[in-house]
Amino acid sequence: MTQEHAMCLSIESLLKTTSNTATYVQIRVMFDELTRLLNHLLAISCHSMDVGNMSPVFWAFEERERLMEFYERVSGARMHAAFYRPNDLDWSGLNNQFFIDVIIFSRDCFKSLTEIFAVLTTNNIWKTRLIGVGSLNLNDAISYAVTGPVIRSVGVRKDMRFLKSETYASY
């Protein structure tokens, strides 16, 4: 849904209109964050499987399934949601129970995340394959123009989502 969000923002900027109503923005940002969780759960669990650790896959995919159900409830599709519209949303799947379920998920997912964290951070294979591999210093990071978590990993404390001059969708 983050791609849908970017598309809507592009169209709205071309049309010189905005969906700045607080409700649109909050719902879009909520789904952007749910999408980010989906992506991180997939990346971490598949990487753990690549290095020979199966347990995180089961926990992560259980949580991903719960997140995909949110997509399905609002749009009828699990992967390609078609939920956002420029200056609008498809409101048919949103109700009070939906938001209660998102809150319950947010509260309950920490058990699985804690289990994944504990298994991976104590796994010698995981640590051997990740610690000290592909290290980058500050000068190289700046000369390569890296951004996001990579630039933050070398000590630059800049997160574009929190800069008031470069915000989008109420970040």
Foldseek 3Di string as FASTA:
>chain_A
DVVVVVVLVVVCVVVVHALPDLVVLVVVVVLVVLVVLLVVLVVLQVVCVVLPHNVSVVLSVVLNVLSLVLLCQQAVDRPDRPADDNSDGRCPSDDPVSVVSVVVSVVPSVVSVVVSCVVQVPDPSNCVVPPPPPDDEQVRCVVVVDDDPNNVVNPDPDDQCPDPVRHDSND
